[in-house]
PDB file of N, CA and C in Angstrom:
ATOM      1  N   MET A   1       0.876   2.858  20.490  1.00  0.00           N
ATOM      2  CA  MET A   1       1.613   4.038  20.792  1.00  0.00           C
ATOM      3  C   MET A   1       1.422   5.030  19.658  1.00  0.00           C
ATOM      4  N   PRO A   2       0.924   6.283  19.932  1.00  0.00           N
ATOM      5  CA  PRO A   2       0.696   7.202  18.855  1.00  0.00           C
ATOM      6  C   PRO A   2       2.010   7.704  18.288  1.00  0.00           C
ATOM      7  N   ARG A   3       2.086   7.920  16.938  1.00  0.00           N
ATOM      8  CA  ARG A   3       3.297   8.412  16.405  1.00  0.00           C
ATOM      9  C   ARG A   3       3.392   9.974  16.632  1.00  0.00           C
ATOM     10  N   GLN A   4       4.596  10.398  16.758  1.00  0.00           N
ATOM     11  CA  GLN A   4       4.854  11.799  16.942  1.00  0.00           C
ATOM     12  C   GLN A   4       4.766  12.484  15.611  1.00  0.00           C
ATOM     13  N   LYS A   5       4.177  13.637  15.527  1.00  0.00           N
ATOM     14  CA  LYS A   5       4.138  14.431  14.272  1.00  0.00           C
ATOM     15  C   LYS A   5       5.452  15.203  14.149  1.00  0.00           C
ATOM     16  N   SER A   6       6.058  14.999  13.057  1.00  0.00           N
ATOM     17  CA  SER A   6       7.290  15.808  12.758  1.00  0.00           C
ATOM     18  C   SER A   6       7.346  16.044  11.268  1.00  0.00           C
ATOM     19  N   LYS A   7       8.192  16.962  10.896  1.00  0.00           N
ATOM     20  CA  LYS A   7       8.336  17.315   9.488  1.00  0.00           C
ATOM     21  C   LYS A   7       8.808  16.102   8.686  1.00  0.00           C
ATOM     22  N   ASN A   8       9.789  15.293   9.286  1.00  0.00           N
ATOM     23  CA  ASN A   8      10.260  14.119   8.651  1.00  0.00           C
ATOM     24  C   ASN A   8       9.158  13.067   8.392  1.00  0.00           C
ATOM     25  N   ASN A   9       8.289  12.917   9.354  1.00  0.00           N
ATOM     26  CA  ASN A   9       7.108  12.007   9.192  1.00  0.00           C
ATOM     27  C   ASN A   9       6.234  12.478   8.046  1.00  0.00           C
ATOM     28  N   GLU A  10       5.933  13.802   8.053  1.00  0.00           N
ATOM     29  CA  GLU A  10       5.069  14.329   7.051  1.00  0.00           C
ATOM     30  C   GLU A  10       5.666  14.164   5.632  1.00  0.00           C
ATOM     31  N   ASP A  11       7.000  14.377   5.511  1.00  0.00           N
ATOM     32  CA  ASP A  11       7.737  14.198   4.264  1.00  0.00           C
ATOM     33  C   ASP A  11       7.638  12.747   3.817  1.00  0.00           C
ATOM     34  N   PHE A  12       7.883  11.846   4.760  1.00  0.00           N
ATOM     35  CA  PHE A  12       7.898  10.424   4.427  1.00  0.00           C
ATOM     36  C   PHE A  12       6.536   9.970   3.991  1.00  0.00           C
ATOM     37  N   PHE A  13       5.536  10.376   4.751  1.00  0.00           N
ATOM     38  CA  PHE A  13       4.156  10.013   4.458  1.00  0.00           C
ATOM     39  C   PHE A  13       3.770  10.541   3.050  1.00  0.00           C
ATOM     40  N   SER A  14       4.121  11.784   2.745  1.00  0.00           N
ATOM     41  CA  SER A  14       3.859  12.320   1.461  1.00  0.00           C
ATOM     42  C   SER A  14       4.567  11.586   0.317  1.00  0.00           C
ATOM     43  N   SER A  15       5.794  11.144   0.589  1.00  0.00           N
ATOM     44  CA  SER A  15       6.434  10.357  -0.415  1.00  0.00           C
ATOM     45  C   SER A  15       5.775   8.989  -0.611  1.00  0.00           C
ATOM     46  N   VAL A  16       5.333   8.333   0.520  1.00  0.00           N
ATOM     47  CA  VAL A  16       4.594   7.130   0.372  1.00  0.00           C
ATOM     48  C   VAL A  16       3.375   7.303  -0.414  1.00  0.00           C
ATOM     49  N   TYR A  17       2.575   8.413  -0.207  1.00  0.00           N
ATOM     50  CA  TYR A  17       1.402   8.677  -0.979  1.00  0.00           C
ATOM     51  C   TYR A  17       1.691   8.922  -2.434  1.00  0.00           C
ATOM     52  N   ASN A  18       2.821   9.622  -2.718  1.00  0.00           N
ATOM     53  CA  ASN A  18       3.177   9.867  -4.087  1.00  0.00           C
ATOM     54  C   ASN A  18       3.412   8.506  -4.859  1.00  0.00           C
ATOM     55  N   VAL A  19       4.199   7.614  -4.279  1.00  0.00           N
ATOM     56  CA  VAL A  19       4.375   6.347  -4.866  1.00  0.00           C
ATOM     57  C   VAL A  19       3.097   5.552  -5.040  1.00  0.00           C
ATOM     58  N   THR A  20       2.290   5.558  -4.014  1.00  0.00           N
ATOM     59  CA  THR A  20       1.060   4.748  -3.977  1.00  0.00           C
ATOM     60  C   THR A  20       0.128   5.262  -5.087  1.00  0.00           C
ATOM     61  N   MET A  21       0.071   6.517  -5.303  1.00  0.00           N
ATOM     62  CA  MET A  21      -0.812   7.060  -6.338  1.00  0.00           C
ATOM     63  C   MET A  21      -0.364   6.669  -7.770  1.00  0.00           C
ATOM     64  N   GLN A  22       0.866   6.191  -7.884  1.00  0.00           N
ATOM     65  CA  GLN A  22       1.396   5.771  -9.219  1.00  0.00           C
ATOM     66  C   GLN A  22       1.202   4.288  -9.497  1.00  0.00           C
ATOM     67  N   ILE A  23       0.710   3.528  -8.528  1.00  0.00           N
ATOM     68  CA  ILE A  23       0.472   2.114  -8.788  1.00  0.00           C
ATOM     69  C   ILE A  23      -0.659   1.995  -9.790  1.00  0.00           C
ATOM     70  N   PRO A  24      -0.449   1.343 -10.883  1.00  0.00           N
ATOM     71  CA  PRO A  24      -1.426   1.276 -11.939  1.00  0.00           C
ATOM     72  C   PRO A  24      -2.739   0.530 -11.469  1.00  0.00           C
ATOM     73  N   TYR A  25      -3.829   0.865 -12.037  1.00  0.00           N
ATOM     74  CA  TYR A  25      -5.127   0.171 -11.824  1.00  0.00           C
ATOM     75  C   TYR A  25      -4.827  -1.354 -12.169  1.00  0.00           C
ATOM     76  N   GLY A  26      -5.326  -2.239 -11.333  1.00  0.00           N
ATOM     77  CA  GLY A  26      -5.170  -3.705 -11.538  1.00  0.00           C
ATOM     78  C   GLY A  26      -3.852  -4.283 -11.175  1.00  0.00           C
ATOM     79  N   ARG A  27      -2.965  -3.471 -10.470  1.00  0.00           N
ATOM     80  CA  ARG A  27      -1.674  -3.973 -10.041  1.00  0.00           C
ATOM     81  C   ARG A  27      -1.586  -3.693  -8.527  1.00  0.00           C
ATOM     82  N   VAL A  28      -0.652  -4.343  -7.896  1.00  0.00           N
ATOM     83  CA  VAL A  28      -0.403  -4.179  -6.454  1.00  0.00           C
ATOM     84  C   VAL A  28       1.049  -4.107  -6.189  1.00  0.00           C
ATOM     85  N   THR A  29       1.409  -3.613  -5.075  1.00  0.00           N
ATOM     86  CA  THR A  29       2.842  -3.632  -4.588  1.00  0.00           C
ATOM     87  C   THR A  29       2.834  -3.919  -3.096  1.00  0.00           C
ATOM     88  N   SER A  30       4.007  -3.911  -2.500  1.00  0.00           N
ATOM     89  CA  SER A  30       4.067  -4.271  -1.055  1.00  0.00           C
ATOM     90  C   SER A  30       4.630  -3.050  -0.250  1.00  0.00           C
ATOM     91  N   TYR A  31       4.336  -3.120   1.009  1.00  0.00           N
ATOM     92  CA  TYR A  31       4.900  -2.092   1.940  1.00  0.00           C
ATOM     93  C   TYR A  31       6.382  -2.027   1.759  1.00  0.00           C
ATOM     94  N   GLY A  32       7.026  -3.163   1.715  1.00  0.00           N
ATOM     95  CA  GLY A  32       8.490  -3.182   1.652  1.00  0.00           C
ATOM     96  C   GLY A  32       9.046  -2.677   0.333  1.00  0.00           C
ATOM     97  N   ALA A  33       8.323  -2.897  -0.759  1.00  0.00           N
ATOM     98  CA  ALA A  33       8.754  -2.386  -2.063  1.00  0.00           C
ATOM     99  C   ALA A  33       8.690  -0.881  -2.090  1.00  0.00           C
ATOM    100  N   ILE A  34       7.739  -0.314  -1.458  1.00  0.00           N
ATOM    101  CA  ILE A  34       7.613   1.198  -1.355  1.00  0.00           C
ATOM    102  C   ILE A  34       8.752   1.701  -0.475  1.00  0.00           C
ATOM    103  N   ALA A  35       8.950   1.060   0.640  1.00  0.00           N
ATOM    104  CA  ALA A  35      10.019   1.461   1.591  1.00  0.00           C
ATOM    105  C   ALA A  35      11.394   1.384   0.857  1.00  0.00           C
ATOM    106  N   SER A  36      11.636   0.317   0.151  1.00  0.00           N
ATOM    107  CA  SER A  36      12.915   0.185  -0.560  1.00  0.00           C
ATOM    108  C   SER A  36      13.096   1.291  -1.579  1.00  0.00           C
ATOM    109  N   TYR A  37      12.007   1.537  -2.372  1.00  0.00           N
ATOM    110  CA  TYR A  37      12.074   2.579  -3.407  1.00  0.00           C
ATOM    111  C   TYR A  37      12.418   3.946  -2.735  1.00  0.00           C
ATOM    112  N   LEU A  38      11.928   4.175  -1.565  1.00  0.00           N
ATOM    113  CA  LEU A  38      12.135   5.459  -0.890  1.00  0.00           C
ATOM    114  C   LEU A  38      13.488   5.487  -0.096  1.00  0.00           C
ATOM    115  N   GLY A  39      14.301   4.456  -0.265  1.00  0.00           N
ATOM    116  CA  GLY A  39      15.547   4.345   0.401  1.00  0.00           C
ATOM    117  C   GLY A  39      15.517   4.090   1.885  1.00  0.00           C
ATOM    118  N   ALA A  40      14.376   3.507   2.266  1.00  0.00           N
ATOM    119  CA  ALA A  40      14.193   3.199   3.735  1.00  0.00           C
ATOM    120  C   ALA A  40      13.739   1.759   3.814  1.00  0.00           C
ATOM    121  N   GLY A  41      14.557   0.850   3.345  1.00  0.00           N
ATOM    122  CA  GLY A  41      14.189  -0.577   3.211  1.00  0.00           C
ATOM    123  C   GLY A  41      13.680  -1.237   4.531  1.00  0.00           C
ATOM    124  N   SER A  42      14.057  -0.750   5.616  1.00  0.00           N
ATOM    125  CA  SER A  42      13.544  -1.362   6.916  1.00  0.00           C
ATOM    126  C   SER A  42      12.323  -0.648   7.442  1.00  0.00           C
ATOM    127  N   SER A  43      11.710   0.175   6.652  1.00  0.00           N
ATOM    128  CA  SER A  43      10.576   0.977   7.167  1.00  0.00           C
ATOM    129  C   SER A  43       9.249   0.516   6.536  1.00  0.00           C
ATOM    130  N   ALA A  44       9.094  -0.764   6.242  1.00  0.00           N
ATOM    131  CA  ALA A  44       7.805  -1.291   5.710  1.00  0.00           C
ATOM    132  C   ALA A  44       6.616  -0.961   6.668  1.00  0.00           C
ATOM    133  N   ARG A  45       6.868  -1.086   7.918  1.00  0.00           N
ATOM    134  CA  ARG A  45       5.830  -0.875   8.876  1.00  0.00           C
ATOM    135  C   ARG A  45       5.379   0.624   8.928  1.00  0.00           C
ATOM    136  N   THR A  46       6.349   1.504   8.737  1.00  0.00           N
ATOM    137  CA  THR A  46       6.066   2.923   8.657  1.00  0.00           C
ATOM    138  C   THR A  46       5.248   3.241   7.383  1.00  0.00           C
ATOM    139  N   VAL A  47       5.524   2.561   6.294  1.00  0.00           N
ATOM    140  CA  VAL A  47       4.735   2.651   5.088  1.00  0.00           C
ATOM    141  C   VAL A  47       3.274   2.347   5.416  1.00  0.00           C
ATOM    142  N   GLY A  48       3.053   1.233   6.170  1.00  0.00           N
ATOM    143  CA  GLY A  48       1.725   0.835   6.569  1.00  0.00           C
ATOM    144  C   GLY A  48       1.033   1.853   7.378  1.00  0.00           C
ATOM    145  N   TRP A  49       1.772   2.469   8.329  1.00  0.00           N
ATOM    146  CA  TRP A  49       1.168   3.516   9.156  1.00  0.00           C
ATOM    147  C   TRP A  49       0.756   4.737   8.309  1.00  0.00           C
ATOM    148  N   ALA A  50       1.627   5.069   7.361  1.00  0.00           N
ATOM    149  CA  ALA A  50       1.315   6.139   6.417  1.00  0.00           C
ATOM    150  C   ALA A  50       0.021   5.890   5.655  1.00  0.00           C
ATOM    151  N   LEU A  51      -0.100   4.647   5.118  1.00  0.00           N
ATOM    152  CA  LEU A  51      -1.280   4.295   4.354  1.00  0.00           C
ATOM    153  C   LEU A  51      -2.532   4.200   5.237  1.00  0.00           C
ATOM    154  N   ASN A  52      -2.391   3.826   6.480  1.00  0.00           N
ATOM    155  CA  ASN A  52      -3.512   3.850   7.419  1.00  0.00           C
ATOM    156  C   ASN A  52      -3.992   5.335   7.615  1.00  0.00           C
ATOM    157  N   ALA A  53      -3.064   6.235   7.705  1.00  0.00           N
ATOM    158  CA  ALA A  53      -3.395   7.659   7.898  1.00  0.00           C
ATOM    159  C   ALA A  53      -3.878   8.281   6.604  1.00  0.00           C
ATOM    160  N   SER A  54      -3.691   7.601   5.471  1.00  0.00           N
ATOM    161  CA  SER A  54      -4.077   8.169   4.144  1.00  0.00           C
ATOM    162  C   SER A  54      -5.612   8.304   4.034  1.00  0.00           C
ATOM    163  N   HIS A  55      -6.384   7.599   4.776  1.00  0.00           N
ATOM    164  CA  HIS A  55      -7.774   7.742   4.748  1.00  0.00           C
ATOM    165  C   HIS A  55      -8.312   9.098   5.243  1.00  0.00           C
ATOM    166  N   ASN A  56      -7.436   9.805   5.948  1.00  0.00           N
ATOM    167  CA  ASN A  56      -7.717  11.173   6.432  1.00  0.00           C
ATOM    168  C   ASN A  56      -7.260  12.317   5.467  1.00  0.00           C
ATOM    169  N   THR A  57      -6.695  11.945   4.291  1.00  0.00           N
ATOM    170  CA  THR A  57      -6.277  12.998   3.394  1.00  0.00           C
ATOM    171  C   THR A  57      -7.398  13.378   2.462  1.00  0.00           C
ATOM    172  N   PRO A  58      -7.382  14.562   1.901  1.00  0.00           N
ATOM    173  CA  PRO A  58      -8.463  15.067   1.040  1.00  0.00           C
ATOM    174  C   PRO A  58      -8.454  14.282  -0.329  1.00  0.00           C
ATOM    175  N   GLU A  59      -7.278  13.869  -0.819  1.00  0.00           N
ATOM    176  CA  GLU A  59      -7.189  13.194  -2.071  1.00  0.00           C
ATOM    177  C   GLU A  59      -7.253  11.702  -1.866  1.00  0.00           C
ATOM    178  N   PHE A  60      -7.691  10.975  -2.942  1.00  0.00           N
ATOM    179  CA  PHE A  60      -7.792   9.523  -2.879  1.00  0.00           C
ATOM    180  C   PHE A  60      -6.425   8.913  -3.028  1.00  0.00           C
ATOM    181  N   ILE A  61      -6.066   8.122  -2.082  1.00  0.00           N
ATOM    182  CA  ILE A  61      -4.783   7.341  -2.101  1.00  0.00           C
ATOM    183  C   ILE A  61      -5.197   5.883  -2.269  1.00  0.00           C
ATOM    184  N   PRO A  62      -4.832   5.181  -3.308  1.00  0.00           N
ATOM    185  CA  PRO A  62      -5.235   3.808  -3.527  1.00  0.00           C
ATOM    186  C   PRO A  62      -4.492   2.856  -2.586  1.00  0.00           C
ATOM    187  N   ALA A  63      -4.734   2.964  -1.320  1.00  0.00           N
ATOM    188  CA  ALA A  63      -3.954   2.176  -0.314  1.00  0.00           C
ATOM    189  C   ALA A  63      -4.345   0.681  -0.470  1.00  0.00           C
ATOM    190  N   HIS A  64      -5.496   0.374  -1.046  1.00  0.00           N
ATOM    191  CA  HIS A  64      -5.925  -0.992  -1.179  1.00  0.00           C
ATOM    192  C   HIS A  64      -5.039  -1.755  -2.125  1.00  0.00           C
ATOM    193  N   ARG A  65      -4.154  -1.069  -2.858  1.00  0.00           N
ATOM    194  CA  ARG A  65      -3.218  -1.740  -3.803  1.00  0.00           C
ATOM    195  C   ARG A  65      -1.891  -2.091  -3.151  1.00  0.00           C
ATOM    196  N   VAL A  66      -1.775  -1.893  -1.860  1.00  0.00           N
ATOM    197  CA  VAL A  66      -0.573  -2.229  -1.148  1.00  0.00           C
ATOM    198  C   VAL A  66      -0.842  -3.307  -0.160  1.00  0.00           C
ATOM    199  N   VAL A  67      -0.067  -4.400  -0.305  1.00  0.00           N
ATOM    200  CA  VAL A  67      -0.262  -5.571   0.570  1.00  0.00           C
ATOM    201  C   VAL A  67       1.099  -5.969   1.151  1.00  0.00           C
ATOM    202  N   ASN A  68       1.088  -7.087   1.920  1.00  0.00           N
ATOM    203  CA  ASN A  68       2.383  -7.494   2.510  1.00  0.00           C
ATOM    204  C   ASN A  68       3.178  -8.253   1.429  1.00  0.00           C
ATOM    205  N   ARG A  69       4.387  -8.626   1.756  1.00  0.00           N
ATOM    206  CA  ARG A  69       5.336  -9.249   0.753  1.00  0.00           C
ATOM    207  C   ARG A  69       4.857 -10.617   0.253  1.00  0.00           C
ATOM    208  N   ASN A  70       3.934 -11.209   0.952  1.00  0.00           N
ATOM    209  CA  ASN A  70       3.350 -12.499   0.540  1.00  0.00           C
ATOM    210  C   ASN A  70       2.044 -12.384  -0.196  1.00  0.00           C
ATOM    211  N   GLY A  71       1.642 -11.101  -0.444  1.00  0.00           N
ATOM    212  CA  GLY A  71       0.331 -10.882  -1.111  1.00  0.00           C
ATOM    213  C   GLY A  71      -0.866 -10.934  -0.182  1.00  0.00           C
ATOM    214  N   LEU A  72      -0.679 -10.869   1.107  1.00  0.00           N
ATOM    215  CA  LEU A  72      -1.750 -10.926   2.111  1.00  0.00           C
ATOM    216  C   LEU A  72      -2.317  -9.521   2.331  1.00  0.00           C
ATOM    217  N   LEU A  73      -3.595  -9.437   2.474  1.00  0.00           N
ATOM    218  CA  LEU A  73      -4.325  -8.232   2.767  1.00  0.00           C
ATOM    219  C   LEU A  73      -4.294  -7.852   4.192  1.00  0.00           C
ATOM    220  N   THR A  74      -3.089  -7.582   4.633  1.00  0.00           N
ATOM    221  CA  THR A  74      -2.870  -7.290   6.103  1.00  0.00           C
ATOM    222  C   THR A  74      -3.472  -5.976   6.536  1.00  0.00           C
ATOM    223  N   GLY A  75      -3.764  -5.092   5.589  1.00  0.00           N
ATOM    224  CA  GLY A  75      -4.266  -3.750   5.907  1.00  0.00           C
ATOM    225  C   GLY A  75      -5.785  -3.690   5.859  1.00  0.00           C
ATOM    226  N   LYS A  76      -6.438  -4.816   5.655  1.00  0.00           N
ATOM    227  CA  LYS A  76      -7.938  -4.838   5.393  1.00  0.00           C
ATOM    228  C   LYS A  76      -8.743  -4.243   6.530  1.00  0.00           C
ATOM    229  N   PHE A  77      -8.210  -4.213   7.724  1.00  0.00           N
ATOM    230  CA  PHE A  77      -8.943  -3.765   8.891  1.00  0.00           C
ATOM    231  C   PHE A  77      -9.112  -2.226   8.928  1.00  0.00           C
ATOM    232  N   HIS A  78      -8.342  -1.539   8.051  1.00  0.00           N
ATOM    233  CA  HIS A  78      -8.300  -0.054   8.032  1.00  0.00           C
ATOM    234  C   HIS A  78      -9.164   0.492   7.002  1.00  0.00           C
ATOM    235  N   PHE A  79     -10.093  -0.294   6.433  1.00  0.00           N
ATOM    236  CA  PHE A  79     -10.935   0.133   5.367  1.00  0.00           C
ATOM    237  C   PHE A  79     -12.430   0.226   5.779  1.00  0.00           C
ATOM    238  N   GLY A  80     -12.759   0.342   7.037  1.00  0.00           N
ATOM    239  CA  GLY A  80     -14.066   0.474   7.455  1.00  0.00           C
ATOM    240  C   GLY A  80     -14.745  -0.904   7.820  1.00  0.00           C
ATOM    241  N   ASN A  81     -14.467  -1.878   7.015  1.00  0.00           N
ATOM    242  CA  ASN A  81     -14.891  -3.209   7.332  1.00  0.00           C
ATOM    243  C   ASN A  81     -13.841  -4.206   6.730  1.00  0.00           C
ATOM    244  N   THR A  82     -13.939  -5.459   6.981  1.00  0.00           N
ATOM    245  CA  THR A  82     -12.942  -6.419   6.578  1.00  0.00           C
ATOM    246  C   THR A  82     -13.024  -6.859   5.122  1.00  0.00           C
ATOM    247  N   THR A  83     -14.095  -6.429   4.399  1.00  0.00           N
ATOM    248  CA  THR A  83     -14.264  -6.897   3.060  1.00  0.00           C
ATOM    249  C   THR A  83     -14.016  -5.782   2.006  1.00  0.00           C
ATOM    250  N   THR A  84     -13.888  -4.569   2.393  1.00  0.00           N
ATOM    251  CA  THR A  84     -13.820  -3.439   1.466  1.00  0.00           C
ATOM    252  C   THR A  84     -12.514  -3.551   0.629  1.00  0.00           C
ATOM    253  N   MET A  85     -11.380  -3.824   1.236  1.00  0.00           N
ATOM    254  CA  MET A  85     -10.096  -3.908   0.572  1.00  0.00           C
ATOM    255  C   MET A  85     -10.159  -5.039  -0.572  1.00  0.00           C
ATOM    256  N   GLN A  86     -10.709  -6.138  -0.225  1.00  0.00           N
ATOM    257  CA  GLN A  86     -10.821  -7.245  -1.189  1.00  0.00           C
ATOM    258  C   GLN A  86     -11.793  -6.807  -2.324  1.00  0.00           C
ATOM    259  N   GLN A  87     -12.885  -6.212  -2.008  1.00  0.00           N
ATOM    260  CA  GLN A  87     -13.817  -5.731  -3.016  1.00  0.00           C
ATOM    261  C   GLN A  87     -13.202  -4.776  -3.991  1.00  0.00           C
ATOM    262  N   LEU A  88     -12.426  -3.808  -3.451  1.00  0.00           N
ATOM    263  CA  LEU A  88     -11.741  -2.873  -4.327  1.00  0.00           C
ATOM    264  C   LEU A  88     -10.768  -3.531  -5.260  1.00  0.00           C
ATOM    265  N   LEU A  89     -10.005  -4.430  -4.706  1.00  0.00           N
ATOM    266  CA  LEU A  89      -9.074  -5.187  -5.569  1.00  0.00           C
ATOM    267  C   LEU A  89      -9.789  -6.074  -6.597  1.00  0.00           C
ATOM    268  N   GLU A  90     -10.820  -6.743  -6.216  1.00  0.00           N
ATOM    269  CA  GLU A  90     -11.583  -7.566  -7.184  1.00  0.00           C
ATOM    270  C   GLU A  90     -12.171  -6.753  -8.249  1.00  0.00           C
ATOM    271  N   ASN A  91     -12.593  -5.496  -7.895  1.00  0.00           N
ATOM    272  CA  ASN A  91     -13.152  -4.613  -8.929  1.00  0.00           C
ATOM    273  C   ASN A  91     -12.125  -4.230  -9.969  1.00  0.00           C
ATOM    274  N   GLU A  92     -10.846  -4.365  -9.659  1.00  0.00           N
ATOM    275  CA  GLU A  92      -9.785  -4.118 -10.608  1.00  0.00           C
ATOM    276  C   GLU A  92      -9.223  -5.384 -11.247  1.00  0.00           C
ATOM    277  N   GLY A  93      -9.933  -6.475 -11.068  1.00  0.00           N
ATOM    278  CA  GLY A  93      -9.609  -7.742 -11.717  1.00  0.00           C
ATOM    279  C   GLY A  93      -8.547  -8.563 -10.975  1.00  0.00           C
ATOM    280  N   ILE A  94      -8.326  -8.259  -9.750  1.00  0.00           N
ATOM    281  CA  ILE A  94      -7.343  -9.056  -8.971  1.00  0.00           C
ATOM    282  C   ILE A  94      -8.132 -10.125  -8.189  1.00  0.00           C
ATOM    283  N   ILE A  95      -7.596 -11.348  -8.285  1.00  0.00           N
ATOM    284  CA  ILE A  95      -8.249 -12.492  -7.643  1.00  0.00           C
ATOM    285  C   ILE A  95      -7.669 -12.638  -6.232  1.00  0.00           C
ATOM    286  N   VAL A  96      -8.655 -12.666  -5.245  1.00  0.00           N
ATOM    287  CA  VAL A  96      -8.268 -12.765  -3.844  1.00  0.00           C
ATOM    288  C   VAL A  96      -8.991 -14.031  -3.250  1.00  0.00           C
ATOM    289  N   GLU A  97      -8.159 -14.878  -2.624  1.00  0.00           N
ATOM    290  CA  GLU A  97      -8.773 -16.034  -1.899  1.00  0.00           C
ATOM    291  C   GLU A  97      -8.111 -16.086  -0.565  1.00  0.00           C
ATOM    292  N   ASN A  98      -8.927 -16.294   0.472  1.00  0.00           N
ATOM    293  CA  ASN A  98      -8.449 -16.383   1.885  1.00  0.00           C
ATOM    294  C   ASN A  98      -7.525 -15.226   2.210  1.00  0.00           C
ATOM    295  N   ASP A  99      -7.933 -13.994   1.817  1.00  0.00           N
ATOM    296  CA  ASP A  99      -7.159 -12.747   2.126  1.00  0.00           C
ATOM    297  C   ASP A  99      -5.802 -12.720   1.480  1.00  0.00           C
ATOM    298  N   ARG A 100      -5.591 -13.464   0.389  1.00  0.00           N
ATOM    299  CA  ARG A 100      -4.278 -13.494  -0.359  1.00  0.00           C
ATOM    300  C   ARG A 100      -4.531 -13.313  -1.847  1.00  0.00           C
ATOM    301  N   ILE A 101      -3.699 -12.471  -2.447  1.00  0.00           N
ATOM    302  CA  ILE A 101      -3.785 -12.322  -3.876  1.00  0.00           C
ATOM    303  C   ILE A 101      -3.271 -13.564  -4.579  1.00  0.00           C
ATOM    304  N   VAL A 102      -4.122 -14.239  -5.327  1.00  0.00           N
ATOM    305  CA  VAL A 102      -3.828 -15.502  -5.976  1.00  0.00           C
ATOM    306  C   VAL A 102      -2.715 -15.269  -7.045  1.00  0.00           C
ATOM    307  N   ASN A 103      -2.853 -14.300  -7.867  1.00  0.00           N
ATOM    308  CA  ASN A 103      -1.865 -14.065  -8.958  1.00  0.00           C
ATOM    309  C   ASN A 103      -0.932 -12.913  -8.511  1.00  0.00           C
ATOM    310  N   PHE A 104      -0.384 -12.979  -7.347  1.00  0.00           N
ATOM    311  CA  PHE A 104       0.450 -11.901  -6.786  1.00  0.00           C
ATOM    312  C   PHE A 104       1.657 -11.616  -7.658  1.00  0.00           C
ATOM    313  N   VAL A 105       2.416 -12.672  -8.101  1.00  0.00           N
ATOM    314  CA  VAL A 105       3.648 -12.398  -8.841  1.00  0.00           C
ATOM    315  C   VAL A 105       3.294 -11.701 -10.155  1.00  0.00           C
ATOM    316  N   GLU A 106       2.195 -12.105 -10.802  1.00  0.00           N
ATOM    317  CA  GLU A 106       1.718 -11.552 -12.037  1.00  0.00           C
ATOM    318  C   GLU A 106       1.318 -10.093 -11.879  1.00  0.00           C
ATOM    319  N   LYS A 107       0.646  -9.795 -10.751  1.00  0.00           N
ATOM    320  CA  LYS A 107       0.090  -8.450 -10.577  1.00  0.00           C
ATOM    321  C   LYS A 107       0.999  -7.509  -9.835  1.00  0.00           C
ATOM    322  N   PHE A 108       2.160  -7.995  -9.392  1.00  0.00           N
ATOM    323  CA  PHE A 108       3.086  -7.213  -8.594  1.00  0.00           C
ATOM    324  C   PHE A 108       3.719  -6.061  -9.427  1.00  0.00           C
ATOM    325  N   TRP A 109       3.692  -4.885  -8.891  1.00  0.00           N
ATOM    326  CA  TRP A 109       4.300  -3.713  -9.529  1.00  0.00           C
ATOM    327  C   TRP A 109       5.380  -3.267  -8.571  1.00  0.00           C
ATOM    328  N   ASP A 110       6.624  -3.251  -9.084  1.00  0.00           N
ATOM    329  CA  ASP A 110       7.826  -2.869  -8.349  1.00  0.00           C
ATOM    330  C   ASP A 110       8.242  -1.407  -8.671  1.00  0.00           C
ATOM    331  N   PRO A 111       8.055  -0.509  -7.693  1.00  0.00           N
ATOM    332  CA  PRO A 111       8.397   0.876  -7.995  1.00  0.00           C
ATOM    333  C   PRO A 111       9.892   1.058  -8.378  1.00  0.00           C
ATOM    334  N   LEU A 112      10.721   0.168  -7.783  1.00  0.00           N
ATOM    335  CA  LEU A 112      12.225   0.304  -8.148  1.00  0.00           C
ATOM    336  C   LEU A 112      12.479   0.136  -9.619  1.00  0.00           C
ATOM    337  N   SER A 113      11.724  -0.776 -10.248  1.00  0.00           N
ATOM    338  CA  SER A 113      11.974  -0.992 -11.680  1.00  0.00           C
ATOM    339  C   SER A 113      11.003  -0.106 -12.535  1.00  0.00           C
ATOM    340  N   GLU A 114       9.872   0.241 -12.048  1.00  0.00           N
ATOM    341  CA  GLU A 114       8.877   0.950 -12.812  1.00  0.00           C
ATOM    342  C   GLU A 114       9.086   2.479 -12.743  1.00  0.00           C
ATOM    343  N   LEU A 115       9.638   3.015 -11.721  1.00  0.00           N
ATOM    344  CA  LEU A 115       9.756   4.386 -11.569  1.00  0.00           C
ATOM    345  C   LEU A 115      11.219   4.908 -11.655  1.00  0.00           C
ATOM    346  N   SER A 116      12.115   4.048 -11.766  1.00  0.00           N
ATOM    347  CA  SER A 116      13.556   4.411 -11.823  1.00  0.00           C
ATOM    348  C   SER A 116      14.003   4.732 -13.185  1.00  0.00           C
TER     349      SER A 116
END
């Protein structure tokens, strides 16, 4: 189902992009952590939609640094092919095995504690 374009969606997506651009090189966060930081804790899926749409923005949004709450690369299908997301993460020193970040707890960046 296509999402409806509204000012609220655009504002939320922009907020997601702002947080995502602050994730440090070599670190990752989760869709839910971004949603919680934005005061929309039950909107992890909407964060995913925003990051999927980020590939159409003129500026680089490091969407590859956002994974699910278990460290799984659930968004890998939105990067042109199924290996690009893993390659981008590995280029930053993140170890990925079977589509899961091995050192997820160590590499996790929590915007609630880092940006507050």
